[in-house]
Amino acid sequence: MTKCLLATLAMLVATSAFAQGNVSLFKVISAKDEVTIGLNADEMSALGGSDAGAIAKALHAKGTLTVWQYATRKAANGDLEQAPRAKVGLMAHDSIRVEPYASPLKAIPHE
């Protein structure tokens, strides 16, 4: 029963992360730091899925991935939003964890 509830919760978090302006936000966490990344539907499809597991599998298989780092910024109207900051490279490592990131802020799509 507990496993079922946890699985349902994980699906809800992943769905809310994907529903933000067609950009999926994820936290990539290593032993030293963490980074928020965003992928659009086409990028997720190219990785073979729509969840954190697809990113982890692709990173393990390819060894590296180039993705957009996302950060909080102020929009022109003063609202806070999650926006693309820079393209970054991720390198596979045994201690990296990828998890969905549900932000209460609007996520701005990248190009």
PDB file of N, CA and C in Angstrom:
ATOM      1  N   MET A   1       0.827  -1.191   0.000  1.00  0.00           N
ATOM      2  CA  MET A   1       0.000   0.000   0.000  1.00  0.00           C
ATOM      3  C   MET A   1       0.872   1.257   0.000  1.00  0.00           C
ATOM      4  N   THR A   2       1.897   1.268   0.836  1.00  0.00           N
ATOM      5  CA  THR A   2       2.787   2.424   0.903  1.00  0.00           C
ATOM      6  C   THR A   2       3.504   2.630  -0.417  1.00  0.00           C
ATOM      7  N   LYS A   3       3.939   1.538  -1.054  1.00  0.00           N
ATOM      8  CA  LYS A   3       4.619   1.648  -2.340  1.00  0.00           C
ATOM      9  C   LYS A   3       3.693   2.242  -3.387  1.00  0.00           C
ATOM     10  N   CYS A   4       2.429   1.862  -3.350  1.00  0.00           N
ATOM     11  CA  CYS A   4       1.443   2.385  -4.302  1.00  0.00           C
ATOM     12  C   CYS A   4       1.247   3.885  -4.100  1.00  0.00           C
ATOM     13  N   LEU A   5       1.162   4.313  -2.843  1.00  0.00           N
ATOM     14  CA  LEU A   5       1.003   5.738  -2.551  1.00  0.00           C
ATOM     15  C   LEU A   5       2.231   6.528  -2.989  1.00  0.00           C
ATOM     16  N   LEU A   6       3.412   5.985  -2.750  1.00  0.00           N
ATOM     17  CA  LEU A   6       4.641   6.661  -3.167  1.00  0.00           C
ATOM     18  C   LEU A   6       4.728   6.752  -4.678  1.00  0.00           C
ATOM     19  N   ALA A   7       4.337   5.705  -5.375  1.00  0.00           N
ATOM     20  CA  ALA A   7       4.361   5.718  -6.840  1.00  0.00           C
ATOM     21  C   ALA A   7       3.386   6.756  -7.378  1.00  0.00           C
ATOM     22  N   THR A   8       2.198   6.838  -6.779  1.00  0.00           N
ATOM     23  CA  THR A   8       1.210   7.829  -7.198  1.00  0.00           C
ATOM     24  C   THR A   8       1.734   9.237  -6.955  1.00  0.00           C
ATOM     25  N   LEU A   9       2.338   9.484  -5.810  1.00  0.00           N
ATOM     26  CA  LEU A   9       2.903  10.788  -5.496  1.00  0.00           C
ATOM     27  C   LEU A   9       4.003  11.154  -6.483  1.00  0.00           C
ATOM     28  N   ALA A  10       4.864  10.211  -6.810  1.00  0.00           N
ATOM     29  CA  ALA A  10       5.942  10.468  -7.765  1.00  0.00           C
ATOM     30  C   ALA A  10       5.376  10.829  -9.129  1.00  0.00           C
ATOM     31  N   MET A  11       4.294  10.158  -9.542  1.00  0.00           N
ATOM     32  CA  MET A  11       3.681  10.474 -10.833  1.00  0.00           C
ATOM     33  C   MET A  11       3.065  11.858 -10.821  1.00  0.00           C
ATOM     34  N   LEU A  12       2.452  12.255  -9.720  1.00  0.00           N
ATOM     35  CA  LEU A  12       1.860  13.587  -9.625  1.00  0.00           C
ATOM     36  C   LEU A  12       2.926  14.666  -9.684  1.00  0.00           C
ATOM     37  N   VAL A  13       4.035  14.463  -9.003  1.00  0.00           N
ATOM     38  CA  VAL A  13       5.125  15.432  -9.027  1.00  0.00           C
ATOM     39  C   VAL A  13       5.702  15.534 -10.429  1.00  0.00           C
ATOM     40  N   ALA A  14       5.917  14.411 -11.085  1.00  0.00           N
ATOM     41  CA  ALA A  14       6.470  14.412 -12.437  1.00  0.00           C
ATOM     42  C   ALA A  14       5.513  15.089 -13.409  1.00  0.00           C
ATOM     43  N   THR A  15       4.205  14.841 -13.259  1.00  0.00           N
ATOM     44  CA  THR A  15       3.226  15.454 -14.139  1.00  0.00           C
ATOM     45  C   THR A  15       3.200  16.962 -13.945  1.00  0.00           C
ATOM     46  N   SER A  16       3.251  17.434 -12.700  1.00  0.00           N
ATOM     47  CA  SER A  16       3.224  18.872 -12.464  1.00  0.00           C
ATOM     48  C   SER A  16       4.494  19.534 -12.978  1.00  0.00           C
ATOM     49  N   ALA A  17       5.618  18.838 -12.894  1.00  0.00           N
ATOM     50  CA  ALA A  17       6.861  19.400 -13.417  1.00  0.00           C
ATOM     51  C   ALA A  17       6.804  19.512 -14.929  1.00  0.00           C
ATOM     52  N   PHE A  18       6.121  18.561 -15.609  1.00  0.00           N
ATOM     53  CA  PHE A  18       6.069  18.577 -17.066  1.00  0.00           C
ATOM     54  C   PHE A  18       5.045  19.577 -17.582  1.00  0.00           C
ATOM     55  N   ALA A  19       4.050  19.907 -16.785  1.00  0.00           N
ATOM     56  CA  ALA A  19       2.951  20.728 -17.262  1.00  0.00           C
ATOM     57  C   ALA A  19       3.251  22.219 -17.273  1.00  0.00           C
ATOM     58  N   GLN A  20       4.452  22.632 -16.966  1.00  0.00           N
ATOM     59  CA  GLN A  20       4.777  24.050 -16.862  1.00  0.00           C
ATOM     60  C   GLN A  20       5.265  24.598 -18.187  1.00  0.00           C
ATOM     61  N   GLY A  21       4.329  25.056 -19.033  1.00  0.00           N
ATOM     62  CA  GLY A  21       4.718  25.712 -20.265  1.00  0.00           C
ATOM     63  C   GLY A  21       5.510  24.811 -21.197  1.00  0.00           C
ATOM     64  N   ASN A  22       5.218  23.530 -21.189  1.00  0.00           N
ATOM     65  CA  ASN A  22       5.887  22.569 -22.067  1.00  0.00           C
ATOM     66  C   ASN A  22       7.370  22.427 -21.750  1.00  0.00           C
ATOM     67  N   VAL A  23       7.783  22.812 -20.571  1.00  0.00           N
ATOM     68  CA  VAL A  23       9.163  22.624 -20.117  1.00  0.00           C
ATOM     69  C   VAL A  23       9.125  21.755 -18.870  1.00  0.00           C
ATOM     70  N   SER A  24       9.901  20.686 -18.891  1.00  0.00           N
ATOM     71  CA  SER A  24      10.027  19.829 -17.714  1.00  0.00           C
ATOM     72  C   SER A  24      11.235  20.278 -16.919  1.00  0.00           C
ATOM     73  N   LEU A  25      11.048  20.546 -15.634  1.00  0.00           N
ATOM     74  CA  LEU A  25      12.151  20.954 -14.769  1.00  0.00           C
ATOM     75  C   LEU A  25      12.596  19.775 -13.918  1.00  0.00           C
ATOM     76  N   PHE A  26      13.905  19.643 -13.760  1.00  0.00           N
ATOM     77  CA  PHE A  26      14.492  18.570 -12.965  1.00  0.00           C
ATOM     78  C   PHE A  26      15.653  19.112 -12.154  1.00  0.00           C
ATOM     79  N   LYS A  27      15.888  18.508 -11.007  1.00  0.00           N
ATOM     80  CA  LYS A  27      17.089  18.768 -10.210  1.00  0.00           C
ATOM     81  C   LYS A  27      18.070  17.644 -10.485  1.00  0.00           C
ATOM     82  N   VAL A  28      19.298  18.015 -10.812  1.00  0.00           N
ATOM     83  CA  VAL A  28      20.374  17.039 -10.951  1.00  0.00           C
ATOM     84  C   VAL A  28      21.266  17.261  -9.742  1.00  0.00           C
ATOM     85  N   ILE A  29      21.358  16.252  -8.896  1.00  0.00           N
ATOM     86  CA  ILE A  29      22.018  16.399  -7.600  1.00  0.00           C
ATOM     87  C   ILE A  29      23.233  15.481  -7.549  1.00  0.00           C
ATOM     88  N   SER A  30      24.375  16.073  -7.211  1.00  0.00           N
ATOM     89  CA  SER A  30      25.599  15.291  -7.029  1.00  0.00           C
ATOM     90  C   SER A  30      26.052  15.450  -5.585  1.00  0.00           C
ATOM     91  N   ALA A  31      27.165  14.835  -5.256  1.00  0.00           N
ATOM     92  CA  ALA A  31      27.689  14.934  -3.899  1.00  0.00           C
ATOM     93  C   ALA A  31      28.120  16.365  -3.574  1.00  0.00           C
ATOM     94  N   LYS A  32      28.499  17.138  -4.583  1.00  0.00           N
ATOM     95  CA  LYS A  32      29.021  18.483  -4.339  1.00  0.00           C
ATOM     96  C   LYS A  32      28.025  19.605  -4.560  1.00  0.00           C
ATOM     97  N   ASP A  33      27.093  19.456  -5.512  1.00  0.00           N
ATOM     98  CA  ASP A  33      26.152  20.543  -5.784  1.00  0.00           C
ATOM     99  C   ASP A  33      24.908  20.016  -6.474  1.00  0.00           C
ATOM    100  N   GLU A  34      24.036  20.942  -6.841  1.00  0.00           N
ATOM    101  CA  GLU A  34      22.838  20.590  -7.581  1.00  0.00           C
ATOM    102  C   GLU A  34      22.547  21.692  -8.587  1.00  0.00           C
ATOM    103  N   VAL A  35      21.870  21.308  -9.656  1.00  0.00           N
ATOM    104  CA  VAL A  35      21.521  22.257 -10.705  1.00  0.00           C
ATOM    105  C   VAL A  35      20.101  21.942 -11.163  1.00  0.00           C
ATOM    106  N   THR A  36      19.335  22.986 -11.453  1.00  0.00           N
ATOM    107  CA  THR A  36      17.999  22.822 -12.012  1.00  0.00           C
ATOM    108  C   THR A  36      18.126  22.903 -13.521  1.00  0.00           C
ATOM    109  N   ILE A  37      17.555  21.918 -14.213  1.00  0.00           N
ATOM    110  CA  ILE A  37      17.607  21.901 -15.668  1.00  0.00           C
ATOM    111  C   ILE A  37      16.191  21.846 -16.224  1.00  0.00           C
ATOM    112  N   GLY A  38      16.054  22.266 -17.472  1.00  0.00           N
ATOM    113  CA  GLY A  38      14.764  22.215 -18.144  1.00  0.00           C
ATOM    114  C   GLY A  38      14.900  21.596 -19.518  1.00  0.00           C
ATOM    115  N   LEU A  39      13.971  20.711 -19.840  1.00  0.00           N
ATOM    116  CA  LEU A  39      13.934  20.083 -21.165  1.00  0.00           C
ATOM    117  C   LEU A  39      12.524  20.215 -21.715  1.00  0.00           C
ATOM    118  N   ASN A  40      12.426  20.485 -23.026  1.00  0.00           N
ATOM    119  CA  ASN A  40      11.106  20.573 -23.635  1.00  0.00           C
ATOM    120  C   ASN A  40      10.654  19.190 -24.074  1.00  0.00           C
ATOM    121  N   ALA A  41       9.442  19.100 -24.616  1.00  0.00           N
ATOM    122  CA  ALA A  41       8.866  17.804 -24.980  1.00  0.00           C
ATOM    123  C   ALA A  41       9.699  17.094 -26.046  1.00  0.00           C
ATOM    124  N   ASP A  42      10.223  17.836 -27.022  1.00  0.00           N
ATOM    125  CA  ASP A  42      11.042  17.222 -28.071  1.00  0.00           C
ATOM    126  C   ASP A  42      12.326  16.638 -27.496  1.00  0.00           C
ATOM    127  N   GLU A  43      12.956  17.358 -26.580  1.00  0.00           N
ATOM    128  CA  GLU A  43      14.190  16.870 -25.952  1.00  0.00           C
ATOM    129  C   GLU A  43      13.920  15.629 -25.109  1.00  0.00           C
ATOM    130  N   MET A  44      12.818  15.637 -24.382  1.00  0.00           N
ATOM    131  CA  MET A  44      12.472  14.475 -23.564  1.00  0.00           C
ATOM    132  C   MET A  44      12.175  13.271 -24.456  1.00  0.00           C
ATOM    133  N   SER A  45      11.478  13.501 -25.544  1.00  0.00           N
ATOM    134  CA  SER A  45      11.169  12.421 -26.482  1.00  0.00           C
ATOM    135  C   SER A  45      12.445  11.830 -27.073  1.00  0.00           C
ATOM    136  N   ALA A  46      13.415  12.699 -27.406  1.00  0.00           N
ATOM    137  CA  ALA A  46      14.691  12.243 -27.951  1.00  0.00           C
ATOM    138  C   ALA A  46      15.461  11.392 -26.937  1.00  0.00           C
ATOM    139  N   LEU A  47      15.222  11.632 -25.650  1.00  0.00           N
ATOM    140  CA  LEU A  47      15.880  10.841 -24.612  1.00  0.00           C
ATOM    141  C   LEU A  47      15.157   9.523 -24.363  1.00  0.00           C
ATOM    142  N   GLY A  48      13.966   9.386 -24.925  1.00  0.00           N
ATOM    143  CA  GLY A  48      13.250   8.122 -24.804  1.00  0.00           C
ATOM    144  C   GLY A  48      12.274   8.041 -23.653  1.00  0.00           C
ATOM    145  N   GLY A  49      11.812   9.165 -23.160  1.00  0.00           N
ATOM    146  CA  GLY A  49      10.847   9.138 -22.055  1.00  0.00           C
ATOM    147  C   GLY A  49      10.441  10.527 -21.650  1.00  0.00           C
ATOM    148  N   SER A  50       9.683  10.609 -20.561  1.00  0.00           N
ATOM    149  CA  SER A  50       9.226  11.916 -20.093  1.00  0.00           C
ATOM    150  C   SER A  50       9.415  12.071 -18.595  1.00  0.00           C
ATOM    151  N   ASP A  51      10.377  11.330 -18.035  1.00  0.00           N
ATOM    152  CA  ASP A  51      10.586  11.406 -16.597  1.00  0.00           C
ATOM    153  C   ASP A  51      12.076  11.462 -16.258  1.00  0.00           C
ATOM    154  N   ALA A  52      12.360  11.562 -14.985  1.00  0.00           N
ATOM    155  CA  ALA A  52      13.746  11.647 -14.525  1.00  0.00           C
ATOM    156  C   ALA A  52      14.540  10.404 -14.897  1.00  0.00           C
ATOM    157  N   GLY A  53      13.879   9.264 -14.938  1.00  0.00           N
ATOM    158  CA  GLY A  53      14.546   8.026 -15.305  1.00  0.00           C
ATOM    159  C   GLY A  53      15.099   8.063 -16.720  1.00  0.00           C
ATOM    160  N   ALA A  54      14.379   8.710 -17.629  1.00  0.00           N
ATOM    161  CA  ALA A  54      14.850   8.824 -19.015  1.00  0.00           C
ATOM    162  C   ALA A  54      16.135   9.642 -19.082  1.00  0.00           C
ATOM    163  N   ILE A  55      16.202  10.704 -18.284  1.00  0.00           N
ATOM    164  CA  ILE A  55      17.420  11.531 -18.246  1.00  0.00           C
ATOM    165  C   ILE A  55      18.574  10.714 -17.667  1.00  0.00           C
ATOM    166  N   ALA A  56      18.322  10.032 -16.571  1.00  0.00           N
ATOM    167  CA  ALA A  56      19.372   9.235 -15.933  1.00  0.00           C
ATOM    168  C   ALA A  56      19.883   8.140 -16.869  1.00  0.00           C
ATOM    169  N   LYS A  57      18.974   7.457 -17.566  1.00  0.00           N
ATOM    170  CA  LYS A  57      19.375   6.400 -18.498  1.00  0.00           C
ATOM    171  C   LYS A  57      20.192   6.969 -19.653  1.00  0.00           C
ATOM    172  N   ALA A  58      19.744   8.105 -20.212  1.00  0.00           N
ATOM    173  CA  ALA A  58      20.463   8.723 -21.326  1.00  0.00           C
ATOM    174  C   ALA A  58      21.842   9.200 -20.887  1.00  0.00           C
ATOM    175  N   LEU A  59      21.929   9.769 -19.705  1.00  0.00           N
ATOM    176  CA  LEU A  59      23.209  10.234 -19.189  1.00  0.00           C
ATOM    177  C   LEU A  59      24.159   9.058 -18.977  1.00  0.00           C
ATOM    178  N   HIS A  60      23.645   7.971 -18.448  1.00  0.00           N
ATOM    179  CA  HIS A  60      24.466   6.776 -18.231  1.00  0.00           C
ATOM    180  C   HIS A  60      24.923   6.189 -19.572  1.00  0.00           C
ATOM    181  N   ALA A  61      24.013   6.136 -20.553  1.00  0.00           N
ATOM    182  CA  ALA A  61      24.328   5.530 -21.848  1.00  0.00           C
ATOM    183  C   ALA A  61      25.292   6.392 -22.671  1.00  0.00           C
ATOM    184  N   LYS A  62      25.073   7.719 -22.657  1.00  0.00           N
ATOM    185  CA  LYS A  62      25.883   8.615 -23.488  1.00  0.00           C
ATOM    186  C   LYS A  62      27.127   9.132 -22.779  1.00  0.00           C
ATOM    187  N   GLY A  63      27.082   9.164 -21.457  1.00  0.00           N
ATOM    188  CA  GLY A  63      28.223   9.676 -20.697  1.00  0.00           C
ATOM    189  C   GLY A  63      28.145  11.167 -20.421  1.00  0.00           C
ATOM    190  N   THR A  64      27.583  11.934 -21.376  1.00  0.00           N
ATOM    191  CA  THR A  64      27.398  13.374 -21.188  1.00  0.00           C
ATOM    192  C   THR A  64      26.103  13.814 -21.862  1.00  0.00           C
ATOM    193  N   LEU A  65      25.522  14.880 -21.355  1.00  0.00           N
ATOM    194  CA  LEU A  65      24.354  15.518 -21.960  1.00  0.00           C
ATOM    195  C   LEU A  65      24.533  17.022 -21.891  1.00  0.00           C
ATOM    196  N   THR A  66      24.087  17.724 -22.907  1.00  0.00           N
ATOM    197  CA  THR A  66      24.053  19.186 -22.884  1.00  0.00           C
ATOM    198  C   THR A  66      22.598  19.600 -22.701  1.00  0.00           C
ATOM    199  N   VAL A  67      22.343  20.397 -21.667  1.00  0.00           N
ATOM    200  CA  VAL A  67      20.978  20.795 -21.309  1.00  0.00           C
ATOM    201  C   VAL A  67      20.968  22.265 -20.913  1.00  0.00           C
ATOM    202  N   TRP A  68      19.775  22.828 -20.789  1.00  0.00           N
ATOM    203  CA  TRP A  68      19.631  24.194 -20.310  1.00  0.00           C
ATOM    204  C   TRP A  68      19.535  24.211 -18.790  1.00  0.00           C
ATOM    205  N   GLN A  69      20.367  25.026 -18.167  1.00  0.00           N
ATOM    206  CA  GLN A  69      20.251  25.274 -16.727  1.00  0.00           C
ATOM    207  C   GLN A  69      19.174  26.325 -16.539  1.00  0.00           C
ATOM    208  N   TYR A  70      18.325  26.139 -15.542  1.00  0.00           N
ATOM    209  CA  TYR A  70      17.264  27.099 -15.240  1.00  0.00           C
ATOM    210  C   TYR A  70      17.538  27.771 -13.897  1.00  0.00           C
ATOM    211  N   ALA A  71      17.138  29.038 -13.806  1.00  0.00           N
ATOM    212  CA  ALA A  71      17.313  29.804 -12.566  1.00  0.00           C
ATOM    213  C   ALA A  71      16.136  30.761 -12.414  1.00  0.00           C
ATOM    214  N   THR A  72      15.929  31.219 -11.212  1.00  0.00           N
ATOM    215  CA  THR A  72      14.865  32.179 -10.934  1.00  0.00           C
ATOM    216  C   THR A  72      15.324  33.571 -11.335  1.00  0.00           C
ATOM    217  N   ARG A  73      14.427  34.304 -11.990  1.00  0.00           N
ATOM    218  CA  ARG A  73      14.702  35.691 -12.364  1.00  0.00           C
ATOM    219  C   ARG A  73      13.408  36.484 -12.272  1.00  0.00           C
ATOM    220  N   LYS A  74      13.540  37.812 -12.340  1.00  0.00           N
ATOM    221  CA  LYS A  74      12.376  38.680 -12.351  1.00  0.00           C
ATOM    222  C   LYS A  74      11.981  38.954 -13.798  1.00  0.00           C
ATOM    223  N   ALA A  75      10.695  38.787 -14.080  1.00  0.00           N
ATOM    224  CA  ALA A  75      10.164  39.117 -15.406  1.00  0.00           C
ATOM    225  C   ALA A  75      10.037  40.637 -15.527  1.00  0.00           C
ATOM    226  N   ALA A  76       9.743  41.107 -16.710  1.00  0.00           N
ATOM    227  CA  ALA A  76       9.597  42.554 -16.947  1.00  0.00           C
ATOM    228  C   ALA A  76       8.498  43.163 -16.075  1.00  0.00           C
ATOM    229  N   ASN A  77       7.470  42.365 -15.757  1.00  0.00           N
ATOM    230  CA  ASN A  77       6.381  42.880 -14.930  1.00  0.00           C
ATOM    231  C   ASN A  77       6.654  42.743 -13.429  1.00  0.00           C
ATOM    232  N   GLY A  78       7.822  42.228 -13.065  1.00  0.00           N
ATOM    233  CA  GLY A  78       8.201  42.093 -11.660  1.00  0.00           C
ATOM    234  C   GLY A  78       7.938  40.725 -11.057  1.00  0.00           C
ATOM    235  N   ASP A  79       7.216  39.861 -11.778  1.00  0.00           N
ATOM    236  CA  ASP A  79       6.948  38.507 -11.279  1.00  0.00           C
ATOM    237  C   ASP A  79       8.214  37.656 -11.345  1.00  0.00           C
ATOM    238  N   LEU A  80       8.344  36.727 -10.399  1.00  0.00           N
ATOM    239  CA  LEU A  80       9.442  35.770 -10.460  1.00  0.00           C
ATOM    240  C   LEU A  80       9.075  34.646 -11.418  1.00  0.00           C
ATOM    241  N   GLU A  81      10.083  34.117 -12.119  1.00  0.00           N
ATOM    242  CA  GLU A  81       9.863  33.030 -13.056  1.00  0.00           C
ATOM    243  C   GLU A  81      11.112  32.170 -13.152  1.00  0.00           C
ATOM    244  N   GLN A  82      10.934  30.934 -13.590  1.00  0.00           N
ATOM    245  CA  GLN A  82      12.056  30.041 -13.871  1.00  0.00           C
ATOM    246  C   GLN A  82      12.404  30.249 -15.343  1.00  0.00           C
ATOM    247  N   ALA A  83      13.651  30.606 -15.624  1.00  0.00           N
ATOM    248  CA  ALA A  83      14.053  30.917 -16.993  1.00  0.00           C
ATOM    249  C   ALA A  83      15.377  30.254 -17.331  1.00  0.00           C
ATOM    250  N   PRO A  84      15.598  29.979 -18.628  1.00  0.00           N
ATOM    251  CA  PRO A  84      16.885  29.415 -19.032  1.00  0.00           C
ATOM    252  C   PRO A  84      18.010  30.382 -18.713  1.00  0.00           C
ATOM    253  N   ARG A  85      19.091  29.862 -18.131  1.00  0.00           N
ATOM    254  CA  ARG A  85      20.228  30.701 -17.736  1.00  0.00           C
ATOM    255  C   ARG A  85      21.401  30.485 -18.676  1.00  0.00           C
ATOM    256  N   ALA A  86      21.744  29.206 -18.898  1.00  0.00           N
ATOM    257  CA  ALA A  86      22.896  28.885 -19.748  1.00  0.00           C
ATOM    258  C   ALA A  86      22.825  27.411 -20.120  1.00  0.00           C
ATOM    259  N   LYS A  87      23.449  27.087 -21.233  1.00  0.00           N
ATOM    260  CA  LYS A  87      23.599  25.667 -21.581  1.00  0.00           C
ATOM    261  C   LYS A  87      24.736  25.109 -20.749  1.00  0.00           C
ATOM    262  N   VAL A  88      24.506  23.949 -20.163  1.00  0.00           N
ATOM    263  CA  VAL A  88      25.519  23.304 -19.332  1.00  0.00           C
ATOM    264  C   VAL A  88      25.682  21.855 -19.768  1.00  0.00           C
ATOM    265  N   GLY A  89      26.833  21.303 -19.472  1.00  0.00           N
ATOM    266  CA  GLY A  89      27.105  19.911 -19.759  1.00  0.00           C
ATOM    267  C   GLY A  89      27.028  19.092 -18.484  1.00  0.00           C
ATOM    268  N   LEU A  90      26.356  17.965 -18.565  1.00  0.00           N
ATOM    269  CA  LEU A  90      26.280  17.026 -17.446  1.00  0.00           C
ATOM    270  C   LEU A  90      27.140  15.824 -17.788  1.00  0.00           C
ATOM    271  N   MET A  91      27.909  15.358 -16.825  1.00  0.00           N
ATOM    272  CA  MET A  91      28.731  14.167 -17.010  1.00  0.00           C
ATOM    273  C   MET A  91      28.216  13.065 -16.098  1.00  0.00           C
ATOM    274  N   ALA A  92      28.173  11.866 -16.629  1.00  0.00           N
ATOM    275  CA  ALA A  92      27.690  10.725 -15.855  1.00  0.00           C
ATOM    276  C   ALA A  92      28.624  10.447 -14.681  1.00  0.00           C
ATOM    277  N   HIS A  93      28.029  10.104 -13.552  1.00  0.00           N
ATOM    278  CA  HIS A  93      28.782   9.761 -12.355  1.00  0.00           C
ATOM    279  C   HIS A  93      27.875   8.894 -11.491  1.00  0.00           C
ATOM    280  N   ASP A  94      28.451   7.971 -10.769  1.00  0.00           N
ATOM    281  CA  ASP A  94      27.650   7.047  -9.965  1.00  0.00           C
ATOM    282  C   ASP A  94      26.828   7.737  -8.882  1.00  0.00           C
ATOM    283  N   SER A  95      27.279   8.881  -8.400  1.00  0.00           N
ATOM    284  CA  SER A  95      26.581   9.518  -7.285  1.00  0.00           C
ATOM    285  C   SER A  95      25.590  10.601  -7.727  1.00  0.00           C
ATOM    286  N   ILE A  96      25.291  10.685  -9.022  1.00  0.00           N
ATOM    287  CA  ILE A  96      24.328  11.686  -9.500  1.00  0.00           C
ATOM    288  C   ILE A  96      22.913  11.148  -9.355  1.00  0.00           C
ATOM    289  N   ARG A  97      22.022  12.030  -8.906  1.00  0.00           N
ATOM    290  CA  ARG A  97      20.605  11.691  -8.788  1.00  0.00           C
ATOM    291  C   ARG A  97      19.811  12.720  -9.590  1.00  0.00           C
ATOM    292  N   VAL A  98      18.809  12.267 -10.340  1.00  0.00           N
ATOM    293  CA  VAL A  98      17.933  13.152 -11.115  1.00  0.00           C
ATOM    294  C   VAL A  98      16.533  12.996 -10.552  1.00  0.00           C
ATOM    295  N   GLU A  99      15.899  14.126 -10.245  1.00  0.00           N
ATOM    296  CA  GLU A  99      14.531  14.068  -9.725  1.00  0.00           C
ATOM    297  C   GLU A  99      13.705  15.203 -10.307  1.00  0.00           C
ATOM    298  N   PRO A 100      12.397  15.011 -10.450  1.00  0.00           N
ATOM    299  CA  PRO A 100      11.534  16.085 -10.965  1.00  0.00           C
ATOM    300  C   PRO A 100      11.548  17.269 -10.009  1.00  0.00           C
ATOM    301  N   TYR A 101      11.419  18.465 -10.563  1.00  0.00           N
ATOM    302  CA  TYR A 101      11.387  19.667  -9.745  1.00  0.00           C
ATOM    303  C   TYR A 101      10.104  20.423 -10.065  1.00  0.00           C
ATOM    304  N   ALA A 102       9.216  20.516  -9.107  1.00  0.00           N
ATOM    305  CA  ALA A 102       7.949  21.222  -9.275  1.00  0.00           C
ATOM    306  C   ALA A 102       8.100  22.622  -8.694  1.00  0.00           C
ATOM    307  N   SER A 103       8.169  23.609  -9.562  1.00  0.00           N
ATOM    308  CA  SER A 103       8.323  24.987  -9.129  1.00  0.00           C
ATOM    309  C   SER A 103       6.958  25.674  -9.129  1.00  0.00           C
ATOM    310  N   PRO A 104       6.698  26.492  -8.129  1.00  0.00           N
ATOM    311  CA  PRO A 104       5.444  27.254  -8.144  1.00  0.00           C
ATOM    312  C   PRO A 104       5.494  28.401  -9.155  1.00  0.00           C
ATOM    313  N   LEU A 105       6.688  28.655  -9.700  1.00  0.00           N
ATOM    314  CA  LEU A 105       6.862  29.748 -10.645  1.00  0.00           C
ATOM    315  C   LEU A 105       6.636  29.284 -12.073  1.00  0.00           C
ATOM    316  N   LYS A 106       6.281  30.218 -12.934  1.00  0.00           N
ATOM    317  CA  LYS A 106       6.117  29.931 -14.350  1.00  0.00           C
ATOM    318  C   LYS A 106       7.476  29.594 -14.943  1.00  0.00           C
ATOM    319  N   ALA A 107       7.522  28.527 -15.751  1.00  0.00           N
ATOM    320  CA  ALA A 107       8.763  28.125 -16.416  1.00  0.00           C
ATOM    321  C   ALA A 107       8.731  28.644 -17.849  1.00  0.00           C
ATOM    322  N   ILE A 108       9.738  29.426 -18.219  1.00  0.00           N
ATOM    323  CA  ILE A 108       9.853  30.020 -19.545  1.00  0.00           C
ATOM    324  C   ILE A 108      10.538  29.015 -20.477  1.00  0.00           C
ATOM    325  N   PRO A 109       9.932  28.698 -21.628  1.00  0.00           N
ATOM    326  CA  PRO A 109      10.582  27.757 -22.558  1.00  0.00           C
ATOM    327  C   PRO A 109      11.894  28.318 -23.110  1.00  0.00           C
ATOM    328  N   HIS A 110      12.833  27.441 -23.387  1.00  0.00           N
ATOM    329  CA  HIS A 110      14.094  27.837 -24.016  1.00  0.00           C
ATOM    330  C   HIS A 110      13.996  27.596 -25.512  1.00  0.00           C
ATOM    331  N   GLU A 111      14.961  28.118 -26.241  1.00  0.00           N
ATOM    332  CA  GLU A 111      14.959  27.966 -27.702  1.00  0.00           C
ATOM    333  C   GLU A 111      15.674  26.729 -28.138  1.00  0.00           C
TER     334      GLU A 111
END
